[in-house]
All heavy atoms as atom14 arrays in JSON, in Angstrom:
{
  "sequence": "KQVRSRNNRPIDQKRTLDSLGLNRINKVVEREDTPTL",
  "atom14_mask": [
    [1, 1, 1, 1, 1, 1, 1, 1, 1, 0, 0, 0, 0, 0],
    [1, 1, 1, 1, 1, 1, 1, 1, 1, 0, 0, 0, 0, 0],
    [1, 1, 1, 1, 1, 1, 1, 0, 0, 0, 0, 0, 0, 0],
    [1, 1, 1, 1, 1, 1, 1, 1, 1, 1, 1, 0, 0, 0],
    [1, 1, 1, 1, 1, 1, 0, 0, 0, 0, 0, 0, 0, 0],
    [1, 1, 1, 1, 1, 1, 1, 1, 1, 1, 1, 0, 0, 0],
    [1, 1, 1, 1, 1, 1, 1, 1, 0, 0, 0, 0, 0, 0],
    [1, 1, 1, 1, 1, 1, 1, 1, 0, 0, 0, 0, 0, 0],
    [1, 1, 1, 1, 1, 1, 1, 1, 1, 1, 1, 0, 0, 0],
    [1, 1, 1, 1, 1, 1, 1, 0, 0, 0, 0, 0, 0, 0],
    [1, 1, 1, 1, 1, 1, 1, 1, 0, 0, 0, 0, 0, 0],
    [1, 1, 1, 1, 1, 1, 1, 1, 0, 0, 0, 0, 0, 0],
    [1, 1, 1, 1, 1, 1, 1, 1, 1, 0, 0, 0, 0, 0],
    [1, 1, 1, 1, 1, 1, 1, 1, 1, 0, 0, 0, 0, 0],
    [1, 1, 1, 1, 1, 1, 1, 1, 1, 1, 1, 0, 0, 0],
    [1, 1, 1, 1, 1, 1, 1, 0, 0, 0, 0, 0, 0, 0],
    [1, 1, 1, 1, 1, 1, 1, 1, 0, 0, 0, 0, 0, 0],
    [1, 1, 1, 1, 1, 1, 1, 1, 0, 0, 0, 0, 0, 0],
    [1, 1, 1, 1, 1, 1, 0, 0, 0, 0, 0, 0, 0, 0],
    [1, 1, 1, 1, 1, 1, 1, 1, 0, 0, 0, 0, 0, 0],
    [1, 1, 1, 1, 0, 0, 0, 0, 0, 0, 0, 0, 0, 0],
    [1, 1, 1, 1, 1, 1, 1, 1, 0, 0, 0, 0, 0, 0],
    [1, 1, 1, 1, 1, 1, 1, 1, 0, 0, 0, 0, 0, 0],
    [1, 1, 1, 1, 1, 1, 1, 1, 1, 1, 1, 0, 0, 0],
    [1, 1, 1, 1, 1, 1, 1, 1, 0, 0, 0, 0, 0, 0],
    [1, 1, 1, 1, 1, 1, 1, 1, 0, 0, 0, 0, 0, 0],
    [1, 1, 1, 1, 1, 1, 1, 1, 1, 0, 0, 0, 0, 0],
    [1, 1, 1, 1, 1, 1, 1, 0, 0, 0, 0, 0, 0, 0],
    [1, 1, 1, 1, 1, 1, 1, 0, 0, 0, 0, 0, 0, 0],
    [1, 1, 1, 1, 1, 1, 1, 1, 1, 0, 0, 0, 0, 0],
    [1, 1, 1, 1, 1, 1, 1, 1, 1, 1, 1, 0, 0, 0],
    [1, 1, 1, 1, 1, 1, 1, 1, 1, 0, 0, 0, 0, 0],
    [1, 1, 1, 1, 1, 1, 1, 1, 0, 0, 0, 0, 0, 0],
    [1, 1, 1, 1, 1, 1, 1, 0, 0, 0, 0, 0, 0, 0],
    [1, 1, 1, 1, 1, 1, 1, 0, 0, 0, 0, 0, 0, 0],
    [1, 1, 1, 1, 1, 1, 1, 0, 0, 0, 0, 0, 0, 0],
    [1, 1, 1, 1, 1, 1, 1, 1, 0, 0, 0, 0, 0, 0]
  ],
  "atom14_positions": [
    [[0.83, -1.21, 0.01], [-0.01, 0.03, -0.01], [0.88, 1.22, 0.03], [1.81, 1.33, 0.79], [-0.89, 0.02, 1.23], [-1.79, 1.19, 1.36], [-2.62, 1.1, 2.61], [-3.54, 2.29, 2.76], [-4.35, 2.15, 4.02], [0.0, 0.0, 0.0], [0.0, 0.0, 0.0], [0.0, 0.0, 0.0], [0.0, 0.0, 0.0], [0.0, 0.0, 0.0]],
    [[0.6, 2.18, -0.88], [1.34, 3.46, -0.88], [0.73, 4.35, 0.18], [-0.51, 4.61, 0.17], [1.23, 4.11, -2.26], [2.05, 5.44, -2.36], [1.99, 6.03, -3.69], [1.61, 5.39, -4.66], [2.46, 7.26, -3.76], [0.0, 0.0, 0.0], [0.0, 0.0, 0.0], [0.0, 0.0, 0.0], [0.0, 0.0, 0.0], [0.0, 0.0, 0.0]],
    [[1.57, 4.88, 1.08], [1.04, 5.68, 2.18], [1.59, 7.08, 2.2], [1.05, 7.9, 2.96], [1.33, 4.98, 3.56], [0.57, 3.7, 3.73], [2.81, 4.8, 3.73], [0.0, 0.0, 0.0], [0.0, 0.0, 0.0], [0.0, 0.0, 0.0], [0.0, 0.0, 0.0], [0.0, 0.0, 0.0], [0.0, 0.0, 0.0], [0.0, 0.0, 0.0]],
    [[2.57, 7.39, 1.38], [3.06, 8.74, 1.26], [3.19, 9.18, -0.13], [3.31, 8.34, -1.06], [4.45, 8.84, 1.92], [4.31, 8.57, 3.4], [5.55, 8.95, 4.2], [5.76, 10.44, 4.1], [6.93, 10.99, 4.33], [8.02, 10.23, 4.66], [7.1, 12.29, 4.24], [0.0, 0.0, 0.0], [0.0, 0.0, 0.0], [0.0, 0.0, 0.0]],
    [[3.15, 10.45, -0.4], [3.19, 11.01, -1.77], [4.48, 10.8, -2.46], [5.57, 10.74, -1.83], [2.88, 12.5, -1.68], [3.01, 13.1, -2.93], [0.0, 0.0, 0.0], [0.0, 0.0, 0.0], [0.0, 0.0, 0.0], [0.0, 0.0, 0.0], [0.0, 0.0, 0.0], [0.0, 0.0, 0.0], [0.0, 0.0, 0.0], [0.0, 0.0, 0.0]],
    [[4.41, 10.69, -3.82], [5.63, 10.56, -4.63], [6.11, 11.93, -5.08], [7.2, 12.01, -5.66], [5.26, 9.69, -5.83], [4.23, 10.37, -6.72], [3.62, 9.47, -7.8], [4.64, 9.14, -8.77], [4.7, 7.96, -9.41], [3.85, 7.02, -9.13], [5.59, 7.78, -10.29], [0.0, 0.0, 0.0], [0.0, 0.0, 0.0], [0.0, 0.0, 0.0]],
    [[5.45, 12.99, -4.7], [5.88, 14.39, -5.02], [7.26, 14.68, -4.42], [7.52, 14.28, -3.22], [4.92, 15.41, -4.63], [3.63, 15.36, -5.36], [3.58, 14.76, -6.44], [2.61, 15.99, -4.86], [0.0, 0.0, 0.0], [0.0, 0.0, 0.0], [0.0, 0.0, 0.0], [0.0, 0.0, 0.0], [0.0, 0.0, 0.0], [0.0, 0.0, 0.0]],
    [[8.12, 15.34, -5.13], [9.47, 15.75, -4.67], [10.36, 14.57, -4.33], [11.2, 14.71, -3.48], [9.32, 16.7, -3.47], [8.58, 17.95, -3.85], [8.73, 18.5, -4.91], [7.79, 18.46, -2.87], [0.0, 0.0, 0.0], [0.0, 0.0, 0.0], [0.0, 0.0, 0.0], [0.0, 0.0, 0.0], [0.0, 0.0, 0.0], [0.0, 0.0, 0.0]],
    [[10.19, 13.47, -4.96], [10.98, 12.28, -4.77], [11.85, 12.13, -6.03], [11.54, 12.56, -7.12], [10.17, 11.01, -4.64], [9.15, 11.01, -3.49], [9.87, 11.17, -2.16], [8.85, 11.35, -1.12], [9.14, 11.58, 0.14], [10.36, 11.74, 0.51], [8.14, 11.76, 1.0], [0.0, 0.0, 0.0], [0.0, 0.0, 0.0], [0.0, 0.0, 0.0]],
    [[13.06, 11.51, -5.85], [13.95, 11.25, -6.99], [13.22, 10.37, -8.05], [12.36, 9.6, -7.75], [15.14, 10.51, -6.44], [15.09, 10.84, -4.93], [13.61, 10.99, -4.62], [0.0, 0.0, 0.0], [0.0, 0.0, 0.0], [0.0, 0.0, 0.0], [0.0, 0.0, 0.0], [0.0, 0.0, 0.0], [0.0, 0.0, 0.0], [0.0, 0.0, 0.0]],
    [[13.67, 10.53, -9.31], [13.07, 9.86, -10.45], [13.15, 8.34, -10.27], [12.22, 7.61, -10.69], [13.66, 10.33, -11.74], [12.83, 9.83, -12.95], [15.09, 9.98, -11.9], [11.46, 10.37, -13.08], [0.0, 0.0, 0.0], [0.0, 0.0, 0.0], [0.0, 0.0, 0.0], [0.0, 0.0, 0.0], [0.0, 0.0, 0.0], [0.0, 0.0, 0.0]],
    [[14.19, 7.85, -9.71], [14.34, 6.41, -9.54], [13.28, 5.84, -8.56], [12.76, 4.7, -8.76], [15.77, 5.96, -9.13], [16.18, 6.58, -7.82], [15.76, 7.7, -7.52], [16.96, 5.96, -7.09], [0.0, 0.0, 0.0], [0.0, 0.0, 0.0], [0.0, 0.0, 0.0], [0.0, 0.0, 0.0], [0.0, 0.0, 0.0], [0.0, 0.0, 0.0]],
    [[12.92, 6.61, -7.54], [11.87, 6.15, -6.61], [10.52, 6.21, -7.29], [9.68, 5.33, -7.07], [11.88, 7.02, -5.33], [13.11, 6.76, -4.47], [13.15, 7.64, -3.28], [12.15, 8.3, -2.94], [14.29, 7.59, -2.61], [0.0, 0.0, 0.0], [0.0, 0.0, 0.0], [0.0, 0.0, 0.0], [0.0, 0.0, 0.0], [0.0, 0.0, 0.0]],
    [[10.28, 7.23, -8.13], [9.03, 7.29, -8.85], [8.88, 6.14, -9.84], [7.8, 5.54, -9.95], [8.93, 8.58, -9.62], [8.76, 9.81, -8.79], [8.75, 11.13, -9.59], [8.6, 12.31, -8.67], [8.53, 13.56, -9.47], [0.0, 0.0, 0.0], [0.0, 0.0, 0.0], [0.0, 0.0, 0.0], [0.0, 0.0, 0.0], [0.0, 0.0, 0.0]],
    [[9.99, 5.76, -10.51], [9.95, 4.64, -11.42], [9.74, 3.3, -10.67], [9.07, 2.44, -11.17], [11.24, 4.63, -12.23], [11.28, 5.71, -13.24], [12.55, 5.67, -14.07], [12.55, 6.71, -15.02], [13.68, 7.19, -15.58], [14.84, 6.69, -15.3], [13.56, 8.15, -16.49], [0.0, 0.0, 0.0], [0.0, 0.0, 0.0], [0.0, 0.0, 0.0]],
    [[10.31, 3.23, -9.5], [10.07, 2.0, -8.65], [8.6, 1.88, -8.29], [8.04, 0.8, -8.39], [10.94, 2.03, -7.43], [12.31, 2.15, -7.82], [10.78, 0.75, -6.62], [0.0, 0.0, 0.0], [0.0, 0.0, 0.0], [0.0, 0.0, 0.0], [0.0, 0.0, 0.0], [0.0, 0.0, 0.0], [0.0, 0.0, 0.0], [0.0, 0.0, 0.0]],
    [[7.98, 2.98, -7.91], [6.56, 2.99, -7.62], [5.71, 2.59, -8.82], [4.8, 1.84, -8.72], [6.08, 4.33, -7.07], [6.58, 4.68, -5.61], [6.2, 6.15, -5.3], [5.98, 3.74, -4.61], [0.0, 0.0, 0.0], [0.0, 0.0, 0.0], [0.0, 0.0, 0.0], [0.0, 0.0, 0.0], [0.0, 0.0, 0.0], [0.0, 0.0, 0.0]],
    [[6.1, 3.11, -9.98], [5.43, 2.78, -11.22], [5.54, 1.28, -11.49], [4.56, 0.62, -11.87], [6.01, 3.54, -12.42], [5.62, 4.99, -12.39], [4.65, 5.36, -11.69], [6.31, 5.77, -13.03], [0.0, 0.0, 0.0], [0.0, 0.0, 0.0], [0.0, 0.0, 0.0], [0.0, 0.0, 0.0], [0.0, 0.0, 0.0], [0.0, 0.0, 0.0]],
    [[6.7, 0.67, -11.32], [6.86, -0.69, -11.62], [6.17, -1.64, -10.56], [5.8, -2.75, -10.91], [8.36, -1.08, -11.65], [8.93, -0.88, -10.37], [0.0, 0.0, 0.0], [0.0, 0.0, 0.0], [0.0, 0.0, 0.0], [0.0, 0.0, 0.0], [0.0, 0.0, 0.0], [0.0, 0.0, 0.0], [0.0, 0.0, 0.0], [0.0, 0.0, 0.0]],
    [[5.94, -1.05, -9.4], [5.14, -1.77, -8.41], [3.63, -1.67, -8.7], [2.82, -2.4, -8.22], [5.37, -1.23, -7.0], [6.73, -1.57, -6.38], [6.93, -0.78, -5.08], [6.84, -3.09, -6.13], [0.0, 0.0, 0.0], [0.0, 0.0, 0.0], [0.0, 0.0, 0.0], [0.0, 0.0, 0.0], [0.0, 0.0, 0.0], [0.0, 0.0, 0.0]],
    [[3.24, -0.7, -9.56], [1.85, -0.49, -9.9], [1.15, 0.47, -8.97], [-0.07, 0.53, -8.94], [0.0, 0.0, 0.0], [0.0, 0.0, 0.0], [0.0, 0.0, 0.0], [0.0, 0.0, 0.0], [0.0, 0.0, 0.0], [0.0, 0.0, 0.0], [0.0, 0.0, 0.0], [0.0, 0.0, 0.0], [0.0, 0.0, 0.0], [0.0, 0.0, 0.0]],
    [[1.98, 1.26, -8.3], [1.41, 2.3, -7.32], [1.46, 3.64, -7.94], [2.52, 4.12, -8.36], [2.16, 2.25, -6.02], [2.07, 0.9, -5.27], [3.08, 0.87, -4.13], [0.69, 0.64, -4.75], [0.0, 0.0, 0.0], [0.0, 0.0, 0.0], [0.0, 0.0, 0.0], [0.0, 0.0, 0.0], [0.0, 0.0, 0.0], [0.0, 0.0, 0.0]],
    [[0.33, 4.36, -7.98], [0.37, 5.68, -8.61], [-0.5, 6.68, -7.74], [-0.62, 7.81, -8.16], [-0.19, 5.64, -10.02], [-1.54, 5.0, -10.14], [-2.19, 4.73, -9.17], [-1.93, 4.64, -11.33], [0.0, 0.0, 0.0], [0.0, 0.0, 0.0], [0.0, 0.0, 0.0], [0.0, 0.0, 0.0], [0.0, 0.0, 0.0], [0.0, 0.0, 0.0]],
    [[-1.06, 6.3, -6.63], [-1.75, 7.26, -5.78], [-1.72, 6.76, -4.32], [-1.58, 5.54, -4.14], [-3.12, 7.51, -6.27], [-4.08, 6.34, -6.24], [-5.46, 6.77, -6.65], [-6.34, 5.64, -6.45], [-6.61, 4.71, -7.4], [-6.04, 4.76, -8.56], [-7.43, 3.76, -7.17], [0.0, 0.0, 0.0], [0.0, 0.0, 0.0], [0.0, 0.0, 0.0]],
    [[-1.89, 7.66, -3.4], [-1.9, 7.29, -1.99], [-3.11, 6.41, -1.67], [-4.17, 6.56, -2.25], [-1.94, 8.57, -1.14], [-0.63, 9.38, -1.37], [-2.06, 8.2, 0.36], [-0.57, 10.65, -0.63], [0.0, 0.0, 0.0], [0.0, 0.0, 0.0], [0.0, 0.0, 0.0], [0.0, 0.0, 0.0], [0.0, 0.0, 0.0], [0.0, 0.0, 0.0]],
    [[-2.9, 5.42, -0.82], [-3.88, 4.43, -0.35], [-4.26, 3.37, -1.35], [-5.12, 2.57, -1.19], [-5.17, 5.13, 0.12], [-4.98, 5.85, 1.43], [-4.14, 5.44, 2.27], [-5.64, 6.94, 1.6], [0.0, 0.0, 0.0], [0.0, 0.0, 0.0], [0.0, 0.0, 0.0], [0.0, 0.0, 0.0], [0.0, 0.0, 0.0], [0.0, 0.0, 0.0]],
    [[-3.51, 3.32, -2.53], [-3.76, 2.29, -3.45], [-3.05, 1.0, -2.96], [-1.92, 1.09, -2.49], [-3.24, 2.65, -4.86], [-3.5, 1.54, -5.89], [-3.24, 2.04, -7.3], [-3.62, 0.91, -8.23], [-3.37, 1.3, -9.63], [0.0, 0.0, 0.0], [0.0, 0.0, 0.0], [0.0, 0.0, 0.0], [0.0, 0.0, 0.0], [0.0, 0.0, 0.0]],
    [[-3.68, -0.15, -3.09], [-3.15, -1.41, -2.64], [-3.07, -2.33, -3.89], [-3.95, -2.45, -4.65], [-4.04, -2.08, -1.58], [-3.47, -3.41, -1.17], [-4.21, -1.16, -0.42], [0.0, 0.0, 0.0], [0.0, 0.0, 0.0], [0.0, 0.0, 0.0], [0.0, 0.0, 0.0], [0.0, 0.0, 0.0], [0.0, 0.0, 0.0], [0.0, 0.0, 0.0]],
    [[-1.88, -2.95, -4.05], [-1.63, -3.92, -5.07], [-1.17, -5.19, -4.51], [-0.57, -5.2, -3.41], [-0.63, -3.41, -6.15], [-1.16, -2.23, -6.88], [0.7, -3.06, -5.52], [0.0, 0.0, 0.0], [0.0, 0.0, 0.0], [0.0, 0.0, 0.0], [0.0, 0.0, 0.0], [0.0, 0.0, 0.0], [0.0, 0.0, 0.0], [0.0, 0.0, 0.0]],
    [[-1.45, -6.33, -5.13], [-0.99, -7.63, -4.68], [-0.07, -8.19, -5.71], [-0.38, -8.26, -6.9], [-2.23, -8.56, -4.51], [-1.87, -9.85, -3.85], [-3.15, -10.67, -3.43], [-4.24, -10.16, -3.71], [-2.94, -11.75, -2.9], [0.0, 0.0, 0.0], [0.0, 0.0, 0.0], [0.0, 0.0, 0.0], [0.0, 0.0, 0.0], [0.0, 0.0, 0.0]],
    [[1.1, -8.58, -5.26], [2.17, -9.05, -6.16], [2.75, -10.37, -5.53], [2.66, -10.62, -4.35], [3.32, -8.08, -6.3], [2.91, -6.71, -6.81], [2.84, -6.8, -8.33], [2.52, -5.51, -8.9], [1.42, -5.23, -9.58], [0.61, -6.2, -9.84], [1.21, -4.06, -10.08], [0.0, 0.0, 0.0], [0.0, 0.0, 0.0], [0.0, 0.0, 0.0]],
    [[3.35, -11.12, -6.42], [4.06, -12.34, -6.01], [5.33, -11.96, -5.18], [6.03, -11.01, -5.58], [4.48, -13.15, -7.23], [3.86, -14.56, -7.2], [4.31, -15.35, -8.45], [5.5, -15.71, -8.41], [3.53, -15.52, -9.3], [0.0, 0.0, 0.0], [0.0, 0.0, 0.0], [0.0, 0.0, 0.0], [0.0, 0.0, 0.0], [0.0, 0.0, 0.0]],
    [[5.5, -12.64, -4.12], [6.61, -12.34, -3.21], [7.92, -12.96, -3.77], [8.1, -14.16, -3.69], [6.31, -12.85, -1.78], [7.3, -12.36, -0.78], [8.15, -11.5, -1.09], [7.29, -12.83, 0.34], [0.0, 0.0, 0.0], [0.0, 0.0, 0.0], [0.0, 0.0, 0.0], [0.0, 0.0, 0.0], [0.0, 0.0, 0.0], [0.0, 0.0, 0.0]],
    [[8.77, -12.09, -4.31], [10.03, -12.57, -4.86], [11.16, -11.66, -4.3], [10.88, -10.59, -3.8], [10.03, -12.45, -6.42], [9.88, -11.05, -6.76], [8.93, -13.21, -7.05], [0.0, 0.0, 0.0], [0.0, 0.0, 0.0], [0.0, 0.0, 0.0], [0.0, 0.0, 0.0], [0.0, 0.0, 0.0], [0.0, 0.0, 0.0], [0.0, 0.0, 0.0]],
    [[12.38, -12.13, -4.44], [13.5, -11.31, -3.96], [13.61, -9.96, -4.67], [13.92, -8.92, -4.08], [14.76, -12.16, -4.2], [14.23, -13.54, -4.24], [12.84, -13.44, -4.76], [0.0, 0.0, 0.0], [0.0, 0.0, 0.0], [0.0, 0.0, 0.0], [0.0, 0.0, 0.0], [0.0, 0.0, 0.0], [0.0, 0.0, 0.0], [0.0, 0.0, 0.0]],
    [[13.26, -9.94, -5.96], [13.25, -8.7, -6.71], [12.28, -7.7, -6.16], [12.57, -6.55, -5.98], [13.04, -8.96, -8.2], [13.91, -9.89, -8.67], [13.06, -7.73, -9.01], [0.0, 0.0, 0.0], [0.0, 0.0, 0.0], [0.0, 0.0, 0.0], [0.0, 0.0, 0.0], [0.0, 0.0, 0.0], [0.0, 0.0, 0.0], [0.0, 0.0, 0.0]],
    [[11.05, -8.23, -5.89], [10.02, -7.36, -5.32], [10.42, -6.83, -3.94], [10.17, -5.63, -3.67], [8.71, -8.14, -5.21], [7.55, -7.35, -4.62], [6.97, -6.4, -5.73], [6.47, -8.23, -4.14], [0.0, 0.0, 0.0], [0.0, 0.0, 0.0], [0.0, 0.0, 0.0], [0.0, 0.0, 0.0], [0.0, 0.0, 0.0], [0.0, 0.0, 0.0]]
  ]
}
Protein backbone atom coordinates (compact mmCIF):
# COMPACT_ATOMS: atom_id res chain seq x y z
CA LYS A 1 0.00 0.00 0.00
CA GLN A 2 1.31 3.45 -0.89
CA VAL A 3 1.03 5.65 2.20
CA ARG A 4 3.08 8.74 1.26
CA SER A 5 3.17 11.01 -1.75
CA ARG A 6 5.60 10.57 -4.63
CA ASN A 7 5.90 14.37 -5.04
CA ASN A 8 9.43 15.76 -4.67
CA ARG A 9 11.00 12.28 -4.79
CA PRO A 10 13.92 11.26 -7.01
CA ILE A 11 13.04 9.86 -10.43
CA ASP A 12 14.33 6.38 -9.54
CA GLN A 13 11.88 6.15 -6.63
CA LYS A 14 9.02 7.31 -8.87
CA ARG A 15 9.93 4.65 -11.42
CA THR A 16 10.07 2.02 -8.69
CA LEU A 17 6.55 2.97 -7.58
CA ASP A 18 5.42 2.76 -11.22
CA SER A 19 6.88 -0.73 -11.59
CA LEU A 20 5.12 -1.78 -8.40
CA GLY A 21 1.85 -0.50 -9.90
CA LEU A 22 1.39 2.26 -7.34
CA ASN A 23 0.33 5.69 -8.58
CA ARG A 24 -1.71 7.26 -5.77
CA ILE A 25 -1.90 7.29 -1.98
CA ASN A 26 -3.89 4.44 -0.36
CA LYS A 27 -3.75 2.27 -3.48
CA VAL A 28 -3.14 -1.41 -2.66
CA VAL A 29 -1.64 -3.91 -5.10
CA GLU A 30 -1.02 -7.62 -4.68
CA ARG A 31 2.18 -9.06 -6.12
CA GLU A 32 4.07 -12.33 -5.99
CA ASP A 33 6.64 -12.33 -3.21
CA THR A 34 10.04 -12.56 -4.88
CA PRO A 35 13.51 -11.29 -3.94
CA THR A 36 13.29 -8.69 -6.71
CA LEU A 37 10.01 -7.36 -5.32
